[in-house]
């Protein structure tokens, strides 16, 4: 059995800690919010972000990063994407040289436009770095509902180590070496989920959402391939799979935020009402800049970017997309 330190006690970090602890591993979980940790210790449950899922006896609440990572064989980062850099640099001095690093954040860092592995590469040997991603709501994983994800690493044997670490009869893990594709699929689908929510909030129905998801996947793939990803990755769990679950479920913060925007609420108000980090709001801006830098056409991303920036209304975004010049589907 392994000793595992988890950085970030949100819904996803807690759900994954539950999976790992349920297999007999010793899990220590830490978060920057000490009040939240005290609540978890008192109730033996993440009342704030994952209510109804009791903490396994093998989960220990840690009150310092050092305490969480002391002697850890594996370090799991579950901080929001825009905070990953700070979380990693703060933890570095406590991470063992041979520890496996797992990151589950889905996003692109604003301003730098870097993926999470690119940030990690500034500080770590990526041969021990793994991205865990796929269609996986914390609420369902915590309740032990069947879930399938992918572990991506430039070193396949390390991805296989993580596969073995997580695999249960309710949590299945595939492996891949396409780190770029897995990261971009997980990040960019949040933009399309915002758009799907806006469409739902405006009452546009299933036809519109299906078109948005399909054409959204096309532009995600365009950017991914330009940046070195394998096109087939976007047809898999971390592409199509994650896109489907995020665009259709009310567990999705991005979709819920989009629905409120579509119903007329301002983007800032909608984000506050969701009450947790809405990664798509940050990723939309980063992806818009990335697409411009790489000269990749991403009309849905651009329309959503302009809508959440207040340059156009949600209705005008729809008109912009529907009124585009006719073209061949595979073009």
C-alpha atoms as a PDB file:
ATOM      1  CA  UNK A   1       0.000   0.000   0.000  1.00  0.00           C
ATOM      2  CA  UNK A   2       1.119   3.552  -0.757  1.00  0.00           C
ATOM      3  CA  UNK A   3       1.281   6.777   1.224  1.00  0.00           C
ATOM      4  CA  UNK A   4      -0.443   9.493  -0.794  1.00  0.00           C
ATOM      5  CA  UNK A   5      -0.514  13.231  -0.206  1.00  0.00           C
ATOM      6  CA  UNK A   6      -3.438  15.147  -1.721  1.00  0.00           C
ATOM      7  CA  UNK A   7      -3.135  18.898  -2.273  1.00  0.00           C
ATOM      8  CA  UNK A   8      -6.608  20.421  -2.557  1.00  0.00           C
ATOM      9  CA  UNK A   9      -9.682  19.316  -0.614  1.00  0.00           C
ATOM     10  CA  UNK A  10     -12.373  20.332  -3.063  1.00  0.00           C
ATOM     11  CA  UNK A  11     -14.957  17.888  -4.388  1.00  0.00           C
ATOM     12  CA  UNK A  12     -12.611  16.161  -6.850  1.00  0.00           C
ATOM     13  CA  UNK A  13      -9.629  15.873  -4.523  1.00  0.00           C
ATOM     14  CA  UNK A  14     -11.886  14.396  -1.855  1.00  0.00           C
ATOM     15  CA  UNK A  15     -13.539  11.948  -4.263  1.00  0.00           C
ATOM     16  CA  UNK A  16     -10.169  10.671  -5.514  1.00  0.00           C
ATOM     17  CA  UNK A  17      -8.878  10.434  -1.939  1.00  0.00           C
ATOM     18  CA  UNK A  18     -11.900   8.251  -1.209  1.00  0.00           C
ATOM     19  CA  UNK A  19     -11.060   5.918  -4.108  1.00  0.00           C
ATOM     20  CA  UNK A  20      -7.439   5.609  -3.008  1.00  0.00           C
ATOM     21  CA  UNK A  21      -8.222   5.153   0.681  1.00  0.00           C
ATOM     22  CA  UNK A  22     -10.837   2.537  -0.158  1.00  0.00           C
ATOM     23  CA  UNK A  23      -8.029   0.397  -1.609  1.00  0.00           C
ATOM     24  CA  UNK A  24      -6.141   0.478   1.692  1.00  0.00           C
ATOM     25  CA  UNK A  25      -3.722   3.301   0.897  1.00  0.00           C
ATOM     26  CA  UNK A  26      -2.784   5.839   3.552  1.00  0.00           C
ATOM     27  CA  UNK A  27      -4.078   9.200   2.335  1.00  0.00           C
ATOM     28  CA  UNK A  28      -3.347  12.629   3.806  1.00  0.00           C
ATOM     29  CA  UNK A  29      -5.327  15.546   2.401  1.00  0.00           C
ATOM     30  CA  UNK A  30      -4.455  19.247   2.779  1.00  0.00           C
ATOM     31  CA  UNK A  31      -6.091  22.469   1.626  1.00  0.00           C
ATOM     32  CA  UNK A  32      -5.184  26.147   1.877  1.00  0.00           C
ATOM     33  CA  UNK A  33      -8.508  26.789   3.690  1.00  0.00           C
ATOM     34  CA  UNK A  34      -7.879  25.735   7.299  1.00  0.00           C
ATOM     35  CA  UNK A  35     -11.494  26.359   8.321  1.00  0.00           C
ATOM     36  CA  UNK A  36     -12.583  23.905   5.634  1.00  0.00           C
ATOM     37  CA  UNK A  37     -10.096  21.322   6.943  1.00  0.00           C
ATOM     38  CA  UNK A  38     -11.394  21.745  10.488  1.00  0.00           C
ATOM     39  CA  UNK A  39     -14.906  21.093   9.222  1.00  0.00           C
ATOM     40  CA  UNK A  40     -13.764  17.945   7.411  1.00  0.00           C
ATOM     41  CA  UNK A  41     -12.003  16.704  10.535  1.00  0.00           C
ATOM     42  CA  UNK A  42     -15.005  17.399  12.750  1.00  0.00           C
ATOM     43  CA  UNK A  43     -17.654  15.880  10.466  1.00  0.00           C
ATOM     44  CA  UNK A  44     -15.467  13.261   8.738  1.00  0.00           C
ATOM     45  CA  UNK A  45     -17.123  14.476   5.562  1.00  0.00           C
ATOM     46  CA  UNK A  46     -16.536  17.249   3.006  1.00  0.00           C
ATOM     47  CA  UNK A  47     -19.761  19.034   3.892  1.00  0.00           C
ATOM     48  CA  UNK A  48     -18.939  22.069   1.737  1.00  0.00           C
ATOM     49  CA  UNK A  49     -18.093  20.394  -1.569  1.00  0.00           C
ATOM     50  CA  UNK A  50     -18.943  16.684  -1.434  1.00  0.00           C
ATOM     51  CA  UNK A  51     -21.769  16.214   1.075  1.00  0.00           C
ATOM     52  CA  UNK A  52     -23.106  12.756   1.764  1.00  0.00           C
ATOM     53  CA  UNK A  53     -19.790  10.979   1.188  1.00  0.00           C
ATOM     54  CA  UNK A  54     -18.182   9.916   4.498  1.00  0.00           C
ATOM     55  CA  UNK A  55     -14.404  10.054   4.705  1.00  0.00           C
ATOM     56  CA  UNK A  56     -12.728   6.655   4.741  1.00  0.00           C
ATOM     57  CA  UNK A  57     -10.846   5.752   7.920  1.00  0.00           C
ATOM     58  CA  UNK A  58      -7.616   5.744   5.870  1.00  0.00           C
ATOM     59  CA  UNK A  59      -7.985   9.474   5.115  1.00  0.00           C
ATOM     60  CA  UNK A  60      -6.126  11.792   7.471  1.00  0.00           C
ATOM     61  CA  UNK A  61      -6.645  15.557   7.504  1.00  0.00           C
ATOM     62  CA  UNK A  62      -3.299  17.372   7.314  1.00  0.00           C
ATOM     63  CA  UNK A  63      -2.930  20.970   8.446  1.00  0.00           C
ATOM     64  CA  UNK A  64       0.368  21.753   6.730  1.00  0.00           C
ATOM     65  CA  UNK A  65       1.788  20.877   3.310  1.00  0.00           C
ATOM     66  CA  UNK A  66       4.768  19.239   5.022  1.00  0.00           C
ATOM     67  CA  UNK A  67       2.488  17.010   7.081  1.00  0.00           C
ATOM     68  CA  UNK A  68       0.543  15.962   3.986  1.00  0.00           C
ATOM     69  CA  UNK A  69       3.619  15.112   1.914  1.00  0.00           C
ATOM     70  CA  UNK A  70       6.000  13.656   4.492  1.00  0.00           C
ATOM     71  CA  UNK A  71       7.090  10.255   3.188  1.00  0.00           C
ATOM     72  CA  UNK A  72       4.497  10.321   0.376  1.00  0.00           C
ATOM     73  CA  UNK A  73       5.067   7.883  -2.489  1.00  0.00           C
ATOM     74  CA  UNK A  74       2.512   9.731  -4.594  1.00  0.00           C
ATOM     75  CA  UNK A  75       1.480  13.404  -4.619  1.00  0.00           C
ATOM     76  CA  UNK A  76      -1.924  14.248  -6.092  1.00  0.00           C
ATOM     77  CA  UNK A  77      -2.560  17.888  -7.015  1.00  0.00           C
ATOM     78  CA  UNK A  78      -6.230  18.825  -7.134  1.00  0.00           C
ATOM     79  CA  UNK A  79      -5.933  22.608  -7.051  1.00  0.00           C
ATOM     80  CA  UNK A  80      -7.753  24.786  -9.627  1.00  0.00           C
ATOM     81  CA  UNK A  81      -5.709  25.260 -12.784  1.00  0.00           C
ATOM     82  CA  UNK A  82      -5.021  28.950 -12.132  1.00  0.00           C
ATOM     83  CA  UNK A  83      -3.557  28.045  -8.717  1.00  0.00           C
ATOM     84  CA  UNK A  84      -1.554  24.996  -9.777  1.00  0.00           C
ATOM     85  CA  UNK A  85       1.716  26.917 -10.142  1.00  0.00           C
ATOM     86  CA  UNK A  86       1.534  28.266  -6.585  1.00  0.00           C
ATOM     87  CA  UNK A  87       0.445  24.918  -5.170  1.00  0.00           C
ATOM     88  CA  UNK A  88       3.324  23.127  -6.874  1.00  0.00           C
ATOM     89  CA  UNK A  89       6.059  25.599  -5.955  1.00  0.00           C
ATOM     90  CA  UNK A  90       4.870  25.678  -2.330  1.00  0.00           C
ATOM     91  CA  UNK A  91       5.009  21.891  -2.134  1.00  0.00           C
ATOM     92  CA  UNK A  92       8.291  21.250  -3.960  1.00  0.00           C
ATOM     93  CA  UNK A  93      10.575  21.174  -0.923  1.00  0.00           C
ATOM     94  CA  UNK A  94       8.457  18.413   0.657  1.00  0.00           C
ATOM     95  CA  UNK A  95       8.138  16.156  -2.405  1.00  0.00           C
ATOM     96  CA  UNK A  96      10.435  13.124  -2.472  1.00  0.00           C
ATOM     97  CA  UNK A  97      12.734  12.847  -5.494  1.00  0.00           C
ATOM     98  CA  UNK A  98      11.153   9.542  -6.556  1.00  0.00           C
ATOM     99  CA  UNK A  99       7.512  10.421  -5.825  1.00  0.00           C
ATOM    100  CA  UNK A 100       4.979  10.102  -8.629  1.00  0.00           C
ATOM    101  CA  UNK A 101       3.187  13.396  -9.303  1.00  0.00           C
ATOM    102  CA  UNK A 102      -0.448  13.283 -10.438  1.00  0.00           C
ATOM    103  CA  UNK A 103      -2.309  16.383 -11.569  1.00  0.00           C
ATOM    104  CA  UNK A 104      -6.071  16.531 -12.146  1.00  0.00           C
ATOM    105  CA  UNK A 105      -6.506  20.262 -12.871  1.00  0.00           C
ATOM    106  CA  UNK A 106      -8.178  20.996 -16.222  1.00  0.00           C
ATOM    107  CA  UNK A 107      -7.208  24.352 -17.629  1.00  0.00           C
ATOM    108  CA  UNK A 108      -4.709  26.639 -19.337  1.00  0.00           C
ATOM    109  CA  UNK A 109      -2.832  29.197 -17.282  1.00  0.00           C
ATOM    110  CA  UNK A 110      -3.834  32.754 -18.131  1.00  0.00           C
ATOM    111  CA  UNK A 111      -1.172  35.150 -19.475  1.00  0.00           C
ATOM    112  CA  UNK A 112       1.491  32.430 -19.899  1.00  0.00           C
ATOM    113  CA  UNK A 113      -0.955  30.255 -21.937  1.00  0.00           C
ATOM    114  CA  UNK A 114       0.802  27.177 -20.554  1.00  0.00           C
ATOM    115  CA  UNK A 115      -0.724  23.760 -19.979  1.00  0.00           C
ATOM    116  CA  UNK A 116      -0.284  22.252 -16.516  1.00  0.00           C
ATOM    117  CA  UNK A 117       2.502  19.882 -17.624  1.00  0.00           C
ATOM    118  CA  UNK A 118       4.401  22.822 -19.099  1.00  0.00           C
ATOM    119  CA  UNK A 119       4.259  24.540 -15.723  1.00  0.00           C
ATOM    120  CA  UNK A 120       5.400  21.330 -14.020  1.00  0.00           C
ATOM    121  CA  UNK A 121       8.292  20.983 -16.477  1.00  0.00           C
ATOM    122  CA  UNK A 122       9.789  24.182 -15.073  1.00  0.00           C
ATOM    123  CA  UNK A 123      10.265  22.394 -11.747  1.00  0.00           C
ATOM    124  CA  UNK A 124      10.054  18.614 -12.234  1.00  0.00           C
ATOM    125  CA  UNK A 125      11.271  15.738 -14.344  1.00  0.00           C
ATOM    126  CA  UNK A 126       8.153  14.964 -16.412  1.00  0.00           C
ATOM    127  CA  UNK A 127       9.040  11.278 -16.552  1.00  0.00           C
ATOM    128  CA  UNK A 128       7.295  10.964 -13.171  1.00  0.00           C
ATOM    129  CA  UNK A 129       4.383  13.280 -13.981  1.00  0.00           C
ATOM    130  CA  UNK A 130       0.897  11.964 -14.814  1.00  0.00           C
ATOM    131  CA  UNK A 131      -2.308  13.690 -15.905  1.00  0.00           C
ATOM    132  CA  UNK A 132      -5.535  11.991 -14.776  1.00  0.00           C
ATOM    133  CA  UNK A 133      -8.560  13.127 -16.774  1.00  0.00           C
ATOM    134  CA  UNK A 134     -11.819  12.024 -18.346  1.00  0.00           C
ATOM    135  CA  UNK A 135     -15.609  12.110 -17.918  1.00  0.00           C
ATOM    136  CA  UNK A 136     -15.762  12.032 -14.140  1.00  0.00           C
ATOM    137  CA  UNK A 137     -18.001  14.051 -11.824  1.00  0.00           C
ATOM    138  CA  UNK A 138     -16.822  13.980  -8.218  1.00  0.00           C
ATOM    139  CA  UNK A 139     -20.391  13.515  -6.997  1.00  0.00           C
ATOM    140  CA  UNK A 140     -20.631  10.179  -8.828  1.00  0.00           C
ATOM    141  CA  UNK A 141     -17.112   8.943  -8.042  1.00  0.00           C
ATOM    142  CA  UNK A 142     -17.729   9.644  -4.341  1.00  0.00           C
ATOM    143  CA  UNK A 143     -20.864   7.479  -4.486  1.00  0.00           C
ATOM    144  CA  UNK A 144     -18.921   4.687  -6.233  1.00  0.00           C
ATOM    145  CA  UNK A 145     -20.850   4.955  -9.491  1.00  0.00           C
ATOM    146  CA  UNK A 146     -19.002   3.409 -12.477  1.00  0.00           C
ATOM    147  CA  UNK A 147     -16.452   5.834 -13.948  1.00  0.00           C
ATOM    148  CA  UNK A 148     -13.714   5.532 -16.578  1.00  0.00           C
ATOM    149  CA  UNK A 149     -10.782   7.916 -17.032  1.00  0.00           C
ATOM    150  CA  UNK A 150      -7.335   8.037 -18.654  1.00  0.00           C
ATOM    151  CA  UNK A 151      -3.864   8.426 -17.146  1.00  0.00           C
ATOM    152  CA  UNK A 152      -1.425  10.205 -19.465  1.00  0.00           C
ATOM    153  CA  UNK A 153       2.344  10.374 -19.084  1.00  0.00           C
ATOM    154  CA  UNK A 154       5.353  10.741 -21.344  1.00  0.00           C
ATOM    155  CA  UNK A 155       6.640   7.638 -19.514  1.00  0.00           C
ATOM    156  CA  UNK A 156       4.062   4.890 -20.127  1.00  0.00           C
ATOM    157  CA  UNK A 157       5.250   2.771 -17.193  1.00  0.00           C
ATOM    158  CA  UNK A 158       4.456   5.653 -14.819  1.00  0.00           C
ATOM    159  CA  UNK A 159       0.954   5.980 -16.302  1.00  0.00           C
ATOM    160  CA  UNK A 160       0.565   2.237 -15.722  1.00  0.00           C
ATOM    161  CA  UNK A 161       1.625   2.705 -12.080  1.00  0.00           C
ATOM    162  CA  UNK A 162      -1.172   5.242 -11.655  1.00  0.00           C
ATOM    163  CA  UNK A 163      -3.555   2.915 -13.484  1.00  0.00           C
ATOM    164  CA  UNK A 164      -2.825   0.187 -10.926  1.00  0.00           C
ATOM    165  CA  UNK A 165      -3.063   2.658  -8.058  1.00  0.00           C
ATOM    166  CA  UNK A 166      -6.626   3.734  -8.916  1.00  0.00           C
ATOM    167  CA  UNK A 167      -8.249   0.734 -10.615  1.00  0.00           C
ATOM    168  CA  UNK A 168     -11.279  -0.730  -8.815  1.00  0.00           C
ATOM    169  CA  UNK A 169     -14.469  -2.487  -9.863  1.00  0.00           C
ATOM    170  CA  UNK A 170     -16.079   0.984 -10.103  1.00  0.00           C
ATOM    171  CA  UNK A 171     -13.160   3.147 -11.303  1.00  0.00           C
ATOM    172  CA  UNK A 172     -11.499   2.050 -14.535  1.00  0.00           C
ATOM    173  CA  UNK A 173      -8.316   3.680 -15.870  1.00  0.00           C
ATOM    174  CA  UNK A 174      -6.832   3.534 -19.375  1.00  0.00           C
ATOM    175  CA  UNK A 175      -3.321   4.750 -20.242  1.00  0.00           C
ATOM    176  CA  UNK A 176      -1.921   6.984 -22.970  1.00  0.00           C
ATOM    177  CA  UNK A 177       1.271   8.869 -23.787  1.00  0.00           C
ATOM    178  CA  UNK A 178      -0.572  11.816 -25.373  1.00  0.00           C
ATOM    179  CA  UNK A 179      -0.207  14.299 -22.523  1.00  0.00           C
ATOM    180  CA  UNK A 180      -0.873  17.283 -24.814  1.00  0.00           C
ATOM    181  CA  UNK A 181      -4.133  15.869 -26.141  1.00  0.00           C
ATOM    182  CA  UNK A 182      -5.419  14.805 -22.729  1.00  0.00           C
ATOM    183  CA  UNK A 183      -4.664  18.198 -21.199  1.00  0.00           C
ATOM    184  CA  UNK A 184      -6.222  20.185 -24.027  1.00  0.00           C
ATOM    185  CA  UNK A 185      -9.315  17.986 -24.214  1.00  0.00           C
ATOM    186  CA  UNK A 186      -9.917  18.403 -20.493  1.00  0.00           C
ATOM    187  CA  UNK A 187      -9.356  22.146 -20.555  1.00  0.00           C
ATOM    188  CA  UNK A 188     -11.145  23.184 -23.729  1.00  0.00           C
ATOM    189  CA  UNK A 189     -14.322  21.163 -23.200  1.00  0.00           C
ATOM    190  CA  UNK A 190     -15.157  23.556 -20.346  1.00  0.00           C
ATOM    191  CA  UNK A 191     -15.529  26.360 -22.894  1.00  0.00           C
ATOM    192  CA  UNK A 192     -18.006  24.335 -24.939  1.00  0.00           C
ATOM    193  CA  UNK A 193     -19.875  23.411 -21.755  1.00  0.00           C
ATOM    194  CA  UNK A 194     -20.322  27.111 -21.014  1.00  0.00           C
ATOM    195  CA  UNK A 195     -21.756  27.495 -24.513  1.00  0.00           C
ATOM    196  CA  UNK A 196     -24.017  24.465 -24.068  1.00  0.00           C
ATOM    197  CA  UNK A 197     -25.327  25.968 -20.850  1.00  0.00           C
ATOM    198  CA  UNK A 198     -25.954  29.319 -22.527  1.00  0.00           C
ATOM    199  CA  UNK A 199     -27.845  27.502 -25.282  1.00  0.00           C
ATOM    200  CA  UNK A 200     -29.937  25.623 -22.716  1.00  0.00           C
ATOM    201  CA  UNK A 201     -30.586  28.809 -20.747  1.00  0.00           C
ATOM    202  CA  UNK A 202     -31.910  30.459 -23.898  1.00  0.00           C
ATOM    203  CA  UNK A 203     -34.206  27.501 -24.534  1.00  0.00           C
ATOM    204  CA  UNK A 204     -32.623  26.434 -27.832  1.00  0.00           C
ATOM    205  CA  UNK A 205     -33.120  22.697 -27.372  1.00  0.00           C
ATOM    206  CA  UNK A 206     -31.235  19.520 -28.216  1.00  0.00           C
ATOM    207  CA  UNK A 207     -30.505  20.290 -31.868  1.00  0.00           C
ATOM    208  CA  UNK A 208     -28.539  23.414 -31.024  1.00  0.00           C
ATOM    209  CA  UNK A 209     -26.618  21.722 -28.225  1.00  0.00           C
ATOM    210  CA  UNK A 210     -25.680  18.756 -30.404  1.00  0.00           C
ATOM    211  CA  UNK A 211     -24.370  21.096 -33.090  1.00  0.00           C
ATOM    212  CA  UNK A 212     -22.451  23.139 -30.537  1.00  0.00           C
ATOM    213  CA  UNK A 213     -20.799  20.048 -29.053  1.00  0.00           C
ATOM    214  CA  UNK A 214     -19.900  18.583 -32.450  1.00  0.00           C
ATOM    215  CA  UNK A 215     -18.493  21.767 -33.927  1.00  0.00           C
ATOM    216  CA  UNK A 216     -16.875  22.529 -30.579  1.00  0.00           C
ATOM    217  CA  UNK A 217     -15.012  19.231 -30.731  1.00  0.00           C
ATOM    218  CA  UNK A 218     -13.874  20.108 -34.256  1.00  0.00           C
ATOM    219  CA  UNK A 219     -12.222  23.325 -33.123  1.00  0.00           C
ATOM    220  CA  UNK A 220     -10.733  21.698 -30.009  1.00  0.00           C
ATOM    221  CA  UNK A 221      -9.154  19.094 -32.281  1.00  0.00           C
ATOM    222  CA  UNK A 222      -7.826  21.759 -34.678  1.00  0.00           C
ATOM    223  CA  UNK A 223      -5.988  23.531 -31.900  1.00  0.00           C
ATOM    224  CA  UNK A 224      -4.843  20.286 -30.305  1.00  0.00           C
ATOM    225  CA  UNK A 225      -3.310  18.912 -33.486  1.00  0.00           C
ATOM    226  CA  UNK A 226      -1.579  22.254 -34.142  1.00  0.00           C
ATOM    227  CA  UNK A 227       0.007  21.988 -30.692  1.00  0.00           C
ATOM    228  CA  UNK A 228       1.191  18.400 -31.202  1.00  0.00           C
ATOM    229  CA  UNK A 229      -1.682  16.254 -29.912  1.00  0.00           C
ATOM    230  CA  UNK A 230      -2.865  13.082 -31.616  1.00  0.00           C
ATOM    231  CA  UNK A 231      -6.239  13.626 -33.338  1.00  0.00           C
ATOM    232  CA  UNK A 232      -7.584  10.258 -32.119  1.00  0.00           C
ATOM    233  CA  UNK A 233      -7.240  11.406 -28.497  1.00  0.00           C
ATOM    234  CA  UNK A 234     -10.130  13.815 -29.025  1.00  0.00           C
ATOM    235  CA  UNK A 235     -12.391  10.922 -30.019  1.00  0.00           C
ATOM    236  CA  UNK A 236     -11.666   9.201 -26.703  1.00  0.00           C
ATOM    237  CA  UNK A 237     -12.473   9.548 -23.021  1.00  0.00           C
ATOM    238  CA  UNK A 238     -10.638  12.831 -22.479  1.00  0.00           C
ATOM    239  CA  UNK A 239     -12.099  14.396 -25.633  1.00  0.00           C
ATOM    240  CA  UNK A 240     -15.579  13.276 -26.660  1.00  0.00           C
ATOM    241  CA  UNK A 241     -16.260  11.548 -23.336  1.00  0.00           C
ATOM    242  CA  UNK A 242     -15.442  14.528 -21.154  1.00  0.00           C
ATOM    243  CA  UNK A 243     -17.211  16.874 -23.563  1.00  0.00           C
ATOM    244  CA  UNK A 244     -20.448  14.870 -23.377  1.00  0.00           C
ATOM    245  CA  UNK A 245     -20.562  14.659 -19.595  1.00  0.00           C
ATOM    246  CA  UNK A 246     -19.664  18.324 -19.061  1.00  0.00           C
ATOM    247  CA  UNK A 247     -22.154  19.661 -21.610  1.00  0.00           C
ATOM    248  CA  UNK A 248     -25.116  17.553 -20.481  1.00  0.00           C
ATOM    249  CA  UNK A 249     -24.947  17.185 -16.693  1.00  0.00           C
ATOM    250  CA  UNK A 250     -26.177  19.503 -13.960  1.00  0.00           C
ATOM    251  CA  UNK A 251     -23.142  18.387 -11.939  1.00  0.00           C
ATOM    252  CA  UNK A 252     -21.124  20.534 -14.381  1.00  0.00           C
ATOM    253  CA  UNK A 253     -20.308  23.950 -12.917  1.00  0.00           C
ATOM    254  CA  UNK A 254     -19.520  25.264 -16.394  1.00  0.00           C
ATOM    255  CA  UNK A 255     -22.884  24.230 -17.797  1.00  0.00           C
ATOM    256  CA  UNK A 256     -24.754  25.597 -14.762  1.00  0.00           C
ATOM    257  CA  UNK A 257     -22.915  28.900 -15.084  1.00  0.00           C
ATOM    258  CA  UNK A 258     -23.748  29.014 -18.806  1.00  0.00           C
ATOM    259  CA  UNK A 259     -27.435  28.346 -18.156  1.00  0.00           C
ATOM    260  CA  UNK A 260     -27.625  31.364 -15.856  1.00  0.00           C
ATOM    261  CA  UNK A 261     -25.862  33.546 -18.423  1.00  0.00           C
ATOM    262  CA  UNK A 262     -28.296  32.324 -21.087  1.00  0.00           C
ATOM    263  CA  UNK A 263     -31.182  33.227 -18.800  1.00  0.00           C
ATOM    264  CA  UNK A 264     -29.904  36.803 -18.584  1.00  0.00           C
ATOM    265  CA  UNK A 265     -27.577  36.857 -15.581  1.00  0.00           C
ATOM    266  CA  UNK A 266     -24.223  38.607 -15.946  1.00  0.00           C
ATOM    267  CA  UNK A 267     -21.154  36.325 -16.156  1.00  0.00           C
ATOM    268  CA  UNK A 268     -19.824  37.650 -12.833  1.00  0.00           C
ATOM    269  CA  UNK A 269     -23.130  37.069 -11.065  1.00  0.00           C
ATOM    270  CA  UNK A 270     -23.447  33.572 -12.525  1.00  0.00           C
ATOM    271  CA  UNK A 271     -19.926  32.620 -11.423  1.00  0.00           C
ATOM    272  CA  UNK A 272     -20.592  33.809  -7.873  1.00  0.00           C
ATOM    273  CA  UNK A 273     -23.859  31.898  -7.717  1.00  0.00           C
ATOM    274  CA  UNK A 274     -22.173  28.619  -8.714  1.00  0.00           C
ATOM    275  CA  UNK A 275     -20.083  29.010  -5.572  1.00  0.00           C
ATOM    276  CA  UNK A 276     -17.042  27.075  -6.793  1.00  0.00           C
ATOM    277  CA  UNK A 277     -14.350  27.670  -9.395  1.00  0.00           C
ATOM    278  CA  UNK A 278     -15.754  27.740 -12.941  1.00  0.00           C
ATOM    279  CA  UNK A 279     -12.643  26.776 -14.909  1.00  0.00           C
ATOM    280  CA  UNK A 280     -14.221  27.552 -18.279  1.00  0.00           C
ATOM    281  CA  UNK A 281     -14.385  31.268 -17.484  1.00  0.00           C
ATOM    282  CA  UNK A 282     -10.587  31.390 -17.205  1.00  0.00           C
ATOM    283  CA  UNK A 283      -9.856  28.863 -19.941  1.00  0.00           C
ATOM    284  CA  UNK A 284     -11.989  30.700 -22.505  1.00  0.00           C
ATOM    285  CA  UNK A 285      -9.757  33.755 -22.303  1.00  0.00           C
ATOM    286  CA  UNK A 286      -6.553  31.701 -22.414  1.00  0.00           C
ATOM    287  CA  UNK A 287      -7.782  29.578 -25.329  1.00  0.00           C
ATOM    288  CA  UNK A 288      -8.887  32.647 -27.274  1.00  0.00           C
ATOM    289  CA  UNK A 289      -5.375  34.094 -26.956  1.00  0.00           C
ATOM    290  CA  UNK A 290      -3.781  30.729 -27.751  1.00  0.00           C
ATOM    291  CA  UNK A 291      -5.885  30.325 -30.900  1.00  0.00           C
ATOM    292  CA  UNK A 292      -4.898  33.804 -32.067  1.00  0.00           C
ATOM    293  CA  UNK A 293      -1.226  33.078 -31.409  1.00  0.00           C
ATOM    294  CA  UNK A 294      -1.371  29.788 -33.313  1.00  0.00           C
ATOM    295  CA  UNK A 295      -3.612  31.198 -36.080  1.00  0.00           C
ATOM    296  CA  UNK A 296      -6.248  28.492 -35.492  1.00  0.00           C
ATOM    297  CA  UNK A 297      -9.903  29.207 -36.287  1.00  0.00           C
ATOM    298  CA  UNK A 298     -12.066  28.708 -33.158  1.00  0.00           C
ATOM    299  CA  UNK A 299     -15.355  30.549 -33.800  1.00  0.00           C
ATOM    300  CA  UNK A 300     -17.276  29.066 -30.848  1.00  0.00           C
ATOM    301  CA  UNK A 301     -14.491  29.914 -28.425  1.00  0.00           C
ATOM    302  CA  UNK A 302     -14.314  33.445 -29.836  1.00  0.00           C
ATOM    303  CA  UNK A 303     -18.081  33.962 -29.561  1.00  0.00           C
ATOM    304  CA  UNK A 304     -18.172  32.720 -25.966  1.00  0.00           C
ATOM    305  CA  UNK A 305     -15.132  34.842 -25.115  1.00  0.00           C
ATOM    306  CA  UNK A 306     -16.811  37.963 -26.467  1.00  0.00           C
ATOM    307  CA  UNK A 307     -20.047  37.123 -24.617  1.00  0.00           C
ATOM    308  CA  UNK A 308     -18.440  36.614 -21.203  1.00  0.00           C
ATOM    309  CA  UNK A 309     -16.334  39.747 -21.705  1.00  0.00           C
ATOM    310  CA  UNK A 310     -19.537  41.725 -22.297  1.00  0.00           C
ATOM    311  CA  UNK A 311     -18.631  42.706 -25.866  1.00  0.00           C
ATOM    312  CA  UNK A 312     -21.787  41.024 -27.219  1.00  0.00           C
ATOM    313  CA  UNK A 313     -24.912  39.496 -25.714  1.00  0.00           C
ATOM    314  CA  UNK A 314     -25.579  35.760 -25.676  1.00  0.00           C
ATOM    315  CA  UNK A 315     -28.203  36.282 -28.403  1.00  0.00           C
ATOM    316  CA  UNK A 316     -25.685  38.158 -30.553  1.00  0.00           C
ATOM    317  CA  UNK A 317     -23.185  35.309 -30.066  1.00  0.00           C
ATOM    318  CA  UNK A 318     -25.741  32.881 -31.497  1.00  0.00           C
ATOM    319  CA  UNK A 319     -26.414  35.177 -34.465  1.00  0.00           C
ATOM    320  CA  UNK A 320     -22.671  35.467 -35.050  1.00  0.00           C
ATOM    321  CA  UNK A 321     -22.221  31.687 -35.180  1.00  0.00           C
ATOM    322  CA  UNK A 322     -25.319  30.926 -37.242  1.00  0.00           C
ATOM    323  CA  UNK A 323     -24.521  33.672 -39.732  1.00  0.00           C
ATOM    324  CA  UNK A 324     -21.006  32.539 -40.558  1.00  0.00           C
ATOM    325  CA  UNK A 325     -20.030  32.003 -44.198  1.00  0.00           C
ATOM    326  CA  UNK A 326     -21.105  28.592 -45.502  1.00  0.00           C
ATOM    327  CA  UNK A 327     -18.384  25.944 -45.668  1.00  0.00           C
ATOM    328  CA  UNK A 328     -17.662  22.225 -46.067  1.00  0.00           C
ATOM    329  CA  UNK A 329     -18.035  20.294 -42.788  1.00  0.00           C
ATOM    330  CA  UNK A 330     -14.550  18.761 -42.843  1.00  0.00           C
ATOM    331  CA  UNK A 331     -12.935  22.038 -43.878  1.00  0.00           C
END
